[in-house]
Amino acid sequence: MLYIIYQEDGPDSPALRAAHKPAHFAYLEQHKDILVLGGAMLADDNQTRIGSVLIINVPNRAAADAFSENEPLRMAGTFKSVKITRMRRGQWNPDAAPQSAEGN
């Protein structure tokens, strides 16, 4: 089952993100078998981070909650809000995805 984890940054997020970035990426690497897509949400200036989105493929809501609760940026208090919602895979077109992380 797919779950989308929508996380909005809190006021201390830049410092917390910087301090816990290595642990965050290690956690994502450790769970690459369930991570479908992940990335930072950006403000319209294309630079300011305002949160992050993760889409994971896990067997149930409890697994989605556990993944999120143990993610280092969340554990550090980076986010002012976290919303986890089950989603259904509809259209699937990975060829339409940008070729770079910046969206180019």
PDB file of N, CA and C in Angstrom:
ATOM      1  N   MET A   1       0.839  -1.176   0.000  1.00  0.00           N
ATOM      2  CA  MET A   1       0.000   0.000   0.000  1.00  0.00           C
ATOM      3  C   MET A   1       0.882   1.236   0.000  1.00  0.00           C
ATOM      4  N   LEU A   2       0.465   2.217  -0.768  1.00  0.00           N
ATOM      5  CA  LEU A   2       1.205   3.462  -0.821  1.00  0.00           C
ATOM      6  C   LEU A   2       0.684   4.431   0.229  1.00  0.00           C
ATOM      7  N   TYR A   3       1.615   5.123   0.855  1.00  0.00           N
ATOM      8  CA  TYR A   3       1.293   6.182   1.806  1.00  0.00           C
ATOM      9  C   TYR A   3       2.132   7.392   1.449  1.00  0.00           C
ATOM     10  N   ILE A   4       1.507   8.557   1.494  1.00  0.00           N
ATOM     11  CA  ILE A   4       2.226   9.801   1.294  1.00  0.00           C
ATOM     12  C   ILE A   4       2.393  10.464   2.665  1.00  0.00           C
ATOM     13  N   ILE A   5       3.604  10.877   2.949  1.00  0.00           N
ATOM     14  CA  ILE A   5       3.928  11.545   4.207  1.00  0.00           C
ATOM     15  C   ILE A   5       4.269  12.992   3.856  1.00  0.00           C
ATOM     16  N   TYR A   6       3.396  13.902   4.276  1.00  0.00           N
ATOM     17  CA  TYR A   6       3.498  15.324   3.959  1.00  0.00           C
ATOM     18  C   TYR A   6       3.934  16.044   5.231  1.00  0.00           C
ATOM     19  N   GLN A   7       5.125  16.643   5.198  1.00  0.00           N
ATOM     20  CA  GLN A   7       5.730  17.220   6.402  1.00  0.00           C
ATOM     21  C   GLN A   7       6.048  18.694   6.167  1.00  0.00           C
ATOM     22  N   GLU A   8       5.473  19.562   6.977  1.00  0.00           N
ATOM     23  CA  GLU A   8       5.726  20.994   6.864  1.00  0.00           C
ATOM     24  C   GLU A   8       6.765  21.416   7.894  1.00  0.00           C
ATOM     25  N   ASP A   9       7.746  22.173   7.428  1.00  0.00           N
ATOM     26  CA  ASP A   9       8.835  22.610   8.297  1.00  0.00           C
ATOM     27  C   ASP A   9       8.351  23.546   9.394  1.00  0.00           C
ATOM     28  N   GLY A  10       9.006  23.444  10.539  1.00  0.00           N
ATOM     29  CA  GLY A  10       8.782  24.349  11.647  1.00  0.00           C
ATOM     30  C   GLY A  10       9.812  25.466  11.630  1.00  0.00           C
ATOM     31  N   PRO A  11       9.744  26.366  12.608  1.00  0.00           N
ATOM     32  CA  PRO A  11      10.619  27.546  12.607  1.00  0.00           C
ATOM     33  C   PRO A  11      12.107  27.230  12.758  1.00  0.00           C
ATOM     34  N   ASP A  12      12.457  26.134  13.396  1.00  0.00           N
ATOM     35  CA  ASP A  12      13.863  25.787  13.596  1.00  0.00           C
ATOM     36  C   ASP A  12      14.369  24.782  12.574  1.00  0.00           C
ATOM     37  N   SER A  13      13.611  24.580  11.516  1.00  0.00           N
ATOM     38  CA  SER A  13      13.942  23.515  10.572  1.00  0.00           C
ATOM     39  C   SER A  13      15.300  23.659   9.882  1.00  0.00           C
ATOM     40  N   PRO A  14      15.754  24.868   9.491  1.00  0.00           N
ATOM     41  CA  PRO A  14      17.057  24.921   8.814  1.00  0.00           C
ATOM     42  C   PRO A  14      18.197  24.353   9.673  1.00  0.00           C
ATOM     43  N   ALA A  15      18.249  24.743  10.924  1.00  0.00           N
ATOM     44  CA  ALA A  15      19.315  24.247  11.801  1.00  0.00           C
ATOM     45  C   ALA A  15      19.150  22.762  12.089  1.00  0.00           C
ATOM     46  N   LEU A  16      17.916  22.336  12.340  1.00  0.00           N
ATOM     47  CA  LEU A  16      17.673  20.920  12.623  1.00  0.00           C
ATOM     48  C   LEU A  16      17.965  20.060  11.405  1.00  0.00           C
ATOM     49  N   ARG A  17      17.564  20.534  10.240  1.00  0.00           N
ATOM     50  CA  ARG A  17      17.816  19.785   9.007  1.00  0.00           C
ATOM     51  C   ARG A  17      19.323  19.629   8.792  1.00  0.00           C
ATOM     52  N   ALA A  18      20.067  20.703   8.992  1.00  0.00           N
ATOM     53  CA  ALA A  18      21.521  20.646   8.806  1.00  0.00           C
ATOM     54  C   ALA A  18      22.168  19.672   9.783  1.00  0.00           C
ATOM     55  N   ALA A  19      21.705  19.685  11.023  1.00  0.00           N
ATOM     56  CA  ALA A  19      22.311  18.824  12.049  1.00  0.00           C
ATOM     57  C   ALA A  19      22.002  17.347  11.836  1.00  0.00           C
ATOM     58  N   HIS A  20      20.842  17.048  11.249  1.00  0.00           N
ATOM     59  CA  HIS A  20      20.406  15.649  11.150  1.00  0.00           C
ATOM     60  C   HIS A  20      20.379  15.119   9.726  1.00  0.00           C
ATOM     61  N   LYS A  21      20.916  15.875   8.791  1.00  0.00           N
ATOM     62  CA  LYS A  21      20.901  15.472   7.382  1.00  0.00           C
ATOM     63  C   LYS A  21      21.588  14.126   7.144  1.00  0.00           C
ATOM     64  N   PRO A  22      22.782  13.887   7.694  1.00  0.00           N
ATOM     65  CA  PRO A  22      23.415  12.581   7.461  1.00  0.00           C
ATOM     66  C   PRO A  22      22.560  11.409   7.972  1.00  0.00           C
ATOM     67  N   ALA A  23      21.979  11.554   9.138  1.00  0.00           N
ATOM     68  CA  ALA A  23      21.140  10.485   9.685  1.00  0.00           C
ATOM     69  C   ALA A  23      19.881  10.299   8.836  1.00  0.00           C
ATOM     70  N   HIS A  24      19.331  11.397   8.342  1.00  0.00           N
ATOM     71  CA  HIS A  24      18.146  11.348   7.475  1.00  0.00           C
ATOM     72  C   HIS A  24      18.442  10.539   6.217  1.00  0.00           C
ATOM     73  N   PHE A  25      19.540  10.870   5.533  1.00  0.00           N
ATOM     74  CA  PHE A  25      19.874  10.154   4.304  1.00  0.00           C
ATOM     75  C   PHE A  25      20.250   8.706   4.570  1.00  0.00           C
ATOM     76  N   ALA A  26      20.884   8.437   5.692  1.00  0.00           N
ATOM     77  CA  ALA A  26      21.198   7.043   6.055  1.00  0.00           C
ATOM     78  C   ALA A  26      19.909   6.258   6.290  1.00  0.00           C
ATOM     79  N   TYR A  27      18.934   6.889   6.925  1.00  0.00           N
ATOM     80  CA  TYR A  27      17.644   6.240   7.185  1.00  0.00           C
ATOM     81  C   TYR A  27      16.931   5.920   5.874  1.00  0.00           C
ATOM     82  N   LEU A  28      16.931   6.884   4.955  1.00  0.00           N
ATOM     83  CA  LEU A  28      16.299   6.645   3.658  1.00  0.00           C
ATOM     84  C   LEU A  28      17.009   5.530   2.897  1.00  0.00           C
ATOM     85  N   GLU A  29      18.312   5.493   2.956  1.00  0.00           N
ATOM     86  CA  GLU A  29      19.073   4.425   2.301  1.00  0.00           C
ATOM     87  C   GLU A  29      18.748   3.069   2.926  1.00  0.00           C
ATOM     88  N   GLN A  30      18.638   3.046   4.237  1.00  0.00           N
ATOM     89  CA  GLN A  30      18.303   1.815   4.960  1.00  0.00           C
ATOM     90  C   GLN A  30      16.924   1.293   4.550  1.00  0.00           C
ATOM     91  N   HIS A  31      16.043   2.202   4.158  1.00  0.00           N
ATOM     92  CA  HIS A  31      14.673   1.833   3.801  1.00  0.00           C
ATOM     93  C   HIS A  31      14.380   2.012   2.308  1.00  0.00           C
ATOM     94  N   LYS A  32      15.409   1.931   1.478  1.00  0.00           N
ATOM     95  CA  LYS A  32      15.205   2.151   0.047  1.00  0.00           C
ATOM     96  C   LYS A  32      14.284   1.111  -0.577  1.00  0.00           C
ATOM     97  N   ASP A  33      14.098  -0.023   0.096  1.00  0.00           N
ATOM     98  CA  ASP A  33      13.205  -1.051  -0.428  1.00  0.00           C
ATOM     99  C   ASP A  33      11.736  -0.645  -0.343  1.00  0.00           C
ATOM    100  N   ILE A  34      11.400   0.360   0.467  1.00  0.00           N
ATOM    101  CA  ILE A  34      10.007   0.816   0.580  1.00  0.00           C
ATOM    102  C   ILE A  34       9.821   2.258   0.102  1.00  0.00           C
ATOM    103  N   LEU A  35      10.914   2.972  -0.126  1.00  0.00           N
ATOM    104  CA  LEU A  35      10.832   4.374  -0.528  1.00  0.00           C
ATOM    105  C   LEU A  35      10.588   4.473  -2.034  1.00  0.00           C
ATOM    106  N   VAL A  36       9.428   4.976  -2.407  1.00  0.00           N
ATOM    107  CA  VAL A  36       9.065   5.129  -3.812  1.00  0.00           C
ATOM    108  C   VAL A  36       9.570   6.465  -4.342  1.00  0.00           C
ATOM    109  N   LEU A  37       9.378   7.515  -3.558  1.00  0.00           N
ATOM    110  CA  LEU A  37       9.767   8.855  -3.976  1.00  0.00           C
ATOM    111  C   LEU A  37       9.908   9.725  -2.742  1.00  0.00           C
ATOM    112  N   GLY A  38      10.867  10.593  -2.749  1.00  0.00           N
ATOM    113  CA  GLY A  38      11.030  11.528  -1.650  1.00  0.00           C
ATOM    114  C   GLY A  38      11.706  12.785  -2.132  1.00  0.00           C
ATOM    115  N   GLY A  39      11.398  13.886  -1.476  1.00  0.00           N
ATOM    116  CA  GLY A  39      12.056  15.128  -1.841  1.00  0.00           C
ATOM    117  C   GLY A  39      11.579  16.285  -1.003  1.00  0.00           C
ATOM    118  N   ALA A  40      12.368  17.347  -1.059  1.00  0.00           N
ATOM    119  CA  ALA A  40      12.037  18.567  -0.332  1.00  0.00           C
ATOM    120  C   ALA A  40      10.940  19.327  -1.059  1.00  0.00           C
ATOM    121  N   MET A  41      10.073  19.971  -0.278  1.00  0.00           N
ATOM    122  CA  MET A  41       9.118  20.918  -0.851  1.00  0.00           C
ATOM    123  C   MET A  41       9.797  22.279  -0.822  1.00  0.00           C
ATOM    124  N   LEU A  42       9.639  23.032  -1.895  1.00  0.00           N
ATOM    125  CA  LEU A  42      10.298  24.326  -2.022  1.00  0.00           C
ATOM    126  C   LEU A  42       9.279  25.446  -2.174  1.00  0.00           C
ATOM    127  N   ALA A  43       9.635  26.612  -1.648  1.00  0.00           N
ATOM    128  CA  ALA A  43       8.833  27.811  -1.864  1.00  0.00           C
ATOM    129  C   ALA A  43       8.973  28.229  -3.325  1.00  0.00           C
ATOM    130  N   ASP A  44       8.181  29.187  -3.729  1.00  0.00           N
ATOM    131  CA  ASP A  44       8.204  29.636  -5.122  1.00  0.00           C
ATOM    132  C   ASP A  44       9.531  30.243  -5.549  1.00  0.00           C
ATOM    133  N   ASP A  45      10.407  30.577  -4.598  1.00  0.00           N
ATOM    134  CA  ASP A  45      11.726  31.096  -4.968  1.00  0.00           C
ATOM    135  C   ASP A  45      12.672  29.980  -5.419  1.00  0.00           C
ATOM    136  N   ASN A  46      12.196  28.730  -5.379  1.00  0.00           N
ATOM    137  CA  ASN A  46      12.946  27.532  -5.806  1.00  0.00           C
ATOM    138  C   ASN A  46      14.159  27.227  -4.941  1.00  0.00           C
ATOM    139  N   GLN A  47      14.275  27.855  -3.783  1.00  0.00           N
ATOM    140  CA  GLN A  47      15.421  27.611  -2.914  1.00  0.00           C
ATOM    141  C   GLN A  47      15.025  27.327  -1.472  1.00  0.00           C
ATOM    142  N   THR A  48      14.053  28.041  -0.963  1.00  0.00           N
ATOM    143  CA  THR A  48      13.665  27.923   0.434  1.00  0.00           C
ATOM    144  C   THR A  48      12.898  26.626   0.659  1.00  0.00           C
ATOM    145  N   ARG A  49      13.422  25.802   1.540  1.00  0.00           N
ATOM    146  CA  ARG A  49      12.749  24.543   1.880  1.00  0.00           C
ATOM    147  C   ARG A  49      11.590  24.848   2.828  1.00  0.00           C
ATOM    148  N   ILE A  50      10.455  24.241   2.535  1.00  0.00           N
ATOM    149  CA  ILE A  50       9.286  24.454   3.377  1.00  0.00           C
ATOM    150  C   ILE A  50       8.739  23.142   3.946  1.00  0.00           C
ATOM    151  N   GLY A  51       9.400  22.044   3.635  1.00  0.00           N
ATOM    152  CA  GLY A  51       8.963  20.746   4.136  1.00  0.00           C
ATOM    153  C   GLY A  51       9.484  19.640   3.256  1.00  0.00           C
ATOM    154  N   SER A  52       8.869  18.475   3.382  1.00  0.00           N
ATOM    155  CA  SER A  52       9.253  17.350   2.539  1.00  0.00           C
ATOM    156  C   SER A  52       8.077  16.407   2.351  1.00  0.00           C
ATOM    157  N   VAL A  53       8.187  15.632   1.291  1.00  0.00           N
ATOM    158  CA  VAL A  53       7.194  14.612   0.979  1.00  0.00           C
ATOM    159  C   VAL A  53       7.917  13.300   0.758  1.00  0.00           C
ATOM    160  N   LEU A  54       7.374  12.257   1.337  1.00  0.00           N
ATOM    161  CA  LEU A  54       7.872  10.903   1.108  1.00  0.00           C
ATOM    162  C   LEU A  54       6.690  10.048   0.685  1.00  0.00           C
ATOM    163  N   ILE A  55       6.888   9.221  -0.308  1.00  0.00           N
ATOM    164  CA  ILE A  55       5.893   8.218  -0.686  1.00  0.00           C
ATOM    165  C   ILE A  55       6.541   6.867  -0.445  1.00  0.00           C
ATOM    166  N   ILE A  56       5.879   6.074   0.389  1.00  0.00           N
ATOM    167  CA  ILE A  56       6.424   4.767   0.748  1.00  0.00           C
ATOM    168  C   ILE A  56       5.417   3.673   0.403  1.00  0.00           C
ATOM    169  N   ASN A  57       5.934   2.464   0.231  1.00  0.00           N
ATOM    170  CA  ASN A  57       5.120   1.298  -0.070  1.00  0.00           C
ATOM    171  C   ASN A  57       5.291   0.305   1.075  1.00  0.00           C
ATOM    172  N   VAL A  58       4.308   0.247   1.943  1.00  0.00           N
ATOM    173  CA  VAL A  58       4.356  -0.605   3.130  1.00  0.00           C
ATOM    174  C   VAL A  58       3.046  -1.387   3.257  1.00  0.00           C
ATOM    175  N   PRO A  59       3.013  -2.434   4.069  1.00  0.00           N
ATOM    176  CA  PRO A  59       1.824  -3.282   4.127  1.00  0.00           C
ATOM    177  C   PRO A  59       0.602  -2.674   4.808  1.00  0.00           C
ATOM    178  N   ASN A  60       0.797  -1.665   5.678  1.00  0.00           N
ATOM    179  CA  ASN A  60      -0.355  -1.144   6.425  1.00  0.00           C
ATOM    180  C   ASN A  60      -0.025   0.207   7.066  1.00  0.00           C
ATOM    181  N   ARG A  61      -1.042   0.809   7.660  1.00  0.00           N
ATOM    182  CA  ARG A  61      -0.889   2.122   8.292  1.00  0.00           C
ATOM    183  C   ARG A  61       0.106   2.086   9.447  1.00  0.00           C
ATOM    184  N   ALA A  62       0.106   1.003  10.200  1.00  0.00           N
ATOM    185  CA  ALA A  62       1.038   0.902  11.327  1.00  0.00           C
ATOM    186  C   ALA A  62       2.484   0.975  10.847  1.00  0.00           C
ATOM    187  N   ALA A  63       2.777   0.348   9.729  1.00  0.00           N
ATOM    188  CA  ALA A  63       4.139   0.391   9.177  1.00  0.00           C
ATOM    189  C   ALA A  63       4.479   1.796   8.688  1.00  0.00           C
ATOM    190  N   ALA A  64       3.505   2.482   8.098  1.00  0.00           N
ATOM    191  CA  ALA A  64       3.731   3.865   7.650  1.00  0.00           C
ATOM    192  C   ALA A  64       3.999   4.772   8.845  1.00  0.00           C
ATOM    193  N   ASP A  65       3.198   4.617   9.893  1.00  0.00           N
ATOM    194  CA  ASP A  65       3.399   5.413  11.103  1.00  0.00           C
ATOM    195  C   ASP A  65       4.769   5.146  11.712  1.00  0.00           C
ATOM    196  N   ALA A  66       5.161   3.883  11.790  1.00  0.00           N
ATOM    197  CA  ALA A  66       6.450   3.525  12.389  1.00  0.00           C
ATOM    198  C   ALA A  66       7.603   4.110  11.578  1.00  0.00           C
ATOM    199  N   PHE A  67       7.521   4.010  10.257  1.00  0.00           N
ATOM    200  CA  PHE A  67       8.564   4.584   9.411  1.00  0.00           C
ATOM    201  C   PHE A  67       8.696   6.080   9.683  1.00  0.00           C
ATOM    202  N   SER A  68       7.575   6.779   9.693  1.00  0.00           N
ATOM    203  CA  SER A  68       7.588   8.222   9.900  1.00  0.00           C
ATOM    204  C   SER A  68       8.089   8.607  11.292  1.00  0.00           C
ATOM    205  N   GLU A  69       7.597   7.934  12.292  1.00  0.00           N
ATOM    206  CA  GLU A  69       7.960   8.262  13.674  1.00  0.00           C
ATOM    207  C   GLU A  69       9.443   8.056  13.950  1.00  0.00           C
ATOM    208  N   ASN A  70      10.093   7.152  13.215  1.00  0.00           N
ATOM    209  CA  ASN A  70      11.506   6.851  13.432  1.00  0.00           C
ATOM    210  C   ASN A  70      12.436   7.585  12.475  1.00  0.00           C
ATOM    211  N   GLU A  71      11.873   8.407  11.600  1.00  0.00           N
ATOM    212  CA  GLU A  71      12.693   9.152  10.651  1.00  0.00           C
ATOM    213  C   GLU A  71      13.437  10.252  11.412  1.00  0.00           C
ATOM    214  N   PRO A  72      14.760  10.368  11.230  1.00  0.00           N
ATOM    215  CA  PRO A  72      15.565  11.289  12.044  1.00  0.00           C
ATOM    216  C   PRO A  72      15.129  12.754  12.027  1.00  0.00           C
ATOM    217  N   LEU A  73      14.714  13.289  10.898  1.00  0.00           N
ATOM    218  CA  LEU A  73      14.290  14.690  10.885  1.00  0.00           C
ATOM    219  C   LEU A  73      13.022  14.883  11.706  1.00  0.00           C
ATOM    220  N   ARG A  74      12.115  13.932  11.634  1.00  0.00           N
ATOM    221  CA  ARG A  74      10.903  14.031  12.446  1.00  0.00           C
ATOM    222  C   ARG A  74      11.243  13.873  13.926  1.00  0.00           C
ATOM    223  N   MET A  75      12.082  12.909  14.244  1.00  0.00           N
ATOM    224  CA  MET A  75      12.463  12.704  15.644  1.00  0.00           C
ATOM    225  C   MET A  75      13.137  13.932  16.235  1.00  0.00           C
ATOM    226  N   ALA A  76      13.843  14.698  15.393  1.00  0.00           N
ATOM    227  CA  ALA A  76      14.546  15.903  15.855  1.00  0.00           C
ATOM    228  C   ALA A  76      13.614  17.095  16.036  1.00  0.00           C
ATOM    229  N   GLY A  77      12.357  16.975  15.593  1.00  0.00           N
ATOM    230  CA  GLY A  77      11.419  18.077  15.735  1.00  0.00           C
ATOM    231  C   GLY A  77      11.453  19.072  14.592  1.00  0.00           C
ATOM    232  N   THR A  78      11.927  18.655  13.438  1.00  0.00           N
ATOM    233  CA  THR A  78      12.061  19.537  12.286  1.00  0.00           C
ATOM    234  C   THR A  78      10.716  20.046  11.777  1.00  0.00           C
ATOM    235  N   PHE A  79       9.674  19.230  11.908  1.00  0.00           N
ATOM    236  CA  PHE A  79       8.396  19.541  11.263  1.00  0.00           C
ATOM    237  C   PHE A  79       7.359  20.056  12.252  1.00  0.00           C
ATOM    238  N   LYS A  80       6.614  21.093  11.817  1.00  0.00           N
ATOM    239  CA  LYS A  80       5.521  21.589  12.640  1.00  0.00           C
ATOM    240  C   LYS A  80       4.281  20.738  12.453  1.00  0.00           C
ATOM    241  N   SER A  81       4.198  20.032  11.337  1.00  0.00           N
ATOM    242  CA  SER A  81       3.076  19.127  11.121  1.00  0.00           C
ATOM    243  C   SER A  81       3.496  17.978  10.211  1.00  0.00           C
ATOM    244  N   VAL A  82       2.883  16.838  10.456  1.00  0.00           N
ATOM    245  CA  VAL A  82       3.105  15.646   9.643  1.00  0.00           C
ATOM    246  C   VAL A  82       1.742  15.026   9.377  1.00  0.00           C
ATOM    247  N   LYS A  83       1.462  14.795   8.110  1.00  0.00           N
ATOM    248  CA  LYS A  83       0.200  14.160   7.735  1.00  0.00           C
ATOM    249  C   LYS A  83       0.521  12.927   6.903  1.00  0.00           C
ATOM    250  N   ILE A  84      -0.060  11.804   7.274  1.00  0.00           N
ATOM    251  CA  ILE A  84       0.164  10.541   6.574  1.00  0.00           C
ATOM    252  C   ILE A  84      -1.178  10.080   6.012  1.00  0.00           C
ATOM    253  N   THR A  85      -1.204   9.851   4.718  1.00  0.00           N
ATOM    254  CA  THR A  85      -2.445   9.483   4.047  1.00  0.00           C
ATOM    255  C   THR A  85      -2.179   8.335   3.076  1.00  0.00           C
ATOM    256  N   ARG A  86      -3.073   7.366   3.108  1.00  0.00           N
ATOM    257  CA  ARG A  86      -2.970   6.280   2.138  1.00  0.00           C
ATOM    258  C   ARG A  86      -3.364   6.814   0.774  1.00  0.00           C
ATOM    259  N   MET A  87      -2.671   6.349  -0.233  1.00  0.00           N
ATOM    260  CA  MET A  87      -3.014   6.767  -1.588  1.00  0.00           C
ATOM    261  C   MET A  87      -3.083   5.560  -2.503  1.00  0.00           C
ATOM    262  N   ARG A  88      -3.821   5.721  -3.560  1.00  0.00           N
ATOM    263  CA  ARG A  88      -3.941   4.679  -4.551  1.00  0.00           C
ATOM    264  C   ARG A  88      -3.096   5.081  -5.750  1.00  0.00           C
ATOM    265  N   ARG A  89      -2.327   4.143  -6.266  1.00  0.00           N
ATOM    266  CA  ARG A  89      -1.531   4.452  -7.448  1.00  0.00           C
ATOM    267  C   ARG A  89      -2.453   4.499  -8.652  1.00  0.00           C
ATOM    268  N   GLY A  90      -2.542   5.639  -9.238  1.00  0.00           N
ATOM    269  CA  GLY A  90      -3.339   5.814 -10.445  1.00  0.00           C
ATOM    270  C   GLY A  90      -2.405   5.815 -11.640  1.00  0.00           C
ATOM    271  N   GLN A  91      -2.258   6.962 -12.227  1.00  0.00           N
ATOM    272  CA  GLN A  91      -1.364   7.077 -13.362  1.00  0.00           C
ATOM    273  C   GLN A  91       0.076   6.880 -12.897  1.00  0.00           C
ATOM    274  N   TRP A  92       0.861   6.263 -13.727  1.00  0.00           N
ATOM    275  CA  TRP A  92       2.257   5.972 -13.391  1.00  0.00           C
ATOM    276  C   TRP A  92       3.082   6.248 -14.627  1.00  0.00           C
ATOM    277  N   ASN A  93       3.866   7.302 -14.601  1.00  0.00           N
ATOM    278  CA  ASN A  93       4.655   7.678 -15.759  1.00  0.00           C
ATOM    279  C   ASN A  93       6.007   8.214 -15.311  1.00  0.00           C
ATOM    280  N   PRO A  94       6.894   7.336 -14.869  1.00  0.00           N
ATOM    281  CA  PRO A  94       8.201   7.818 -14.391  1.00  0.00           C
ATOM    282  C   PRO A  94       9.017   8.507 -15.481  1.00  0.00           C
ATOM    283  N   ASP A  95       8.716   8.240 -16.744  1.00  0.00           N
ATOM    284  CA  ASP A  95       9.452   8.926 -17.816  1.00  0.00           C
ATOM    285  C   ASP A  95       9.170  10.426 -17.850  1.00  0.00           C
ATOM    286  N   ALA A  96       8.051  10.845 -17.251  1.00  0.00           N
ATOM    287  CA  ALA A  96       7.710  12.266 -17.224  1.00  0.00           C
ATOM    288  C   ALA A  96       8.404  13.004 -16.082  1.00  0.00           C
ATOM    289  N   ALA A  97       9.070  12.278 -15.194  1.00  0.00           N
ATOM    290  CA  ALA A  97       9.759  12.901 -14.060  1.00  0.00           C
ATOM    291  C   ALA A  97      10.950  13.723 -14.563  1.00  0.00           C
ATOM    292  N   PRO A  98      11.294  14.800 -13.862  1.00  0.00           N
ATOM    293  CA  PRO A  98      12.465  15.593 -14.267  1.00  0.00           C
ATOM    294  C   PRO A  98      13.734  14.767 -14.167  1.00  0.00           C
ATOM    295  N   GLN A  99      14.703  15.140 -14.984  1.00  0.00           N
ATOM    296  CA  GLN A  99      15.966  14.409 -15.011  1.00  0.00           C
ATOM    297  C   GLN A  99      16.909  14.798 -13.880  1.00  0.00           C
ATOM    298  N   SER A 100      16.650  15.933 -13.230  1.00  0.00           N
ATOM    299  CA  SER A 100      17.520  16.369 -12.137  1.00  0.00           C
ATOM    300  C   SER A 100      16.696  16.595 -10.883  1.00  0.00           C
ATOM    301  N   ALA A 101      17.365  16.612  -9.754  1.00  0.00           N
ATOM    302  CA  ALA A 101      16.692  16.862  -8.487  1.00  0.00           C
ATOM    303  C   ALA A 101      16.066  18.257  -8.444  1.00  0.00           C
ATOM    304  N   GLU A 102      16.645  19.188  -9.202  1.00  0.00           N
ATOM    305  CA  GLU A 102      16.138  20.551  -9.208  1.00  0.00           C
ATOM    306  C   GLU A 102      14.912  20.716 -10.099  1.00  0.00           C
ATOM    307  N   GLY A 103      14.534  19.679 -10.815  1.00  0.00           N
ATOM    308  CA  GLY A 103      13.333  19.727 -11.629  1.00  0.00           C
ATOM    309  C   GLY A 103      13.574  20.084 -13.089  1.00  0.00           C
ATOM    310  N   ASN A 104      14.817  20.037 -13.519  1.00  0.00           N
ATOM    311  CA  ASN A 104      15.134  20.351 -14.918  1.00  0.00           C
ATOM    312  C   ASN A 104      14.964  19.126 -15.786  1.00  0.00           C
TER     313      ASN A 104
END
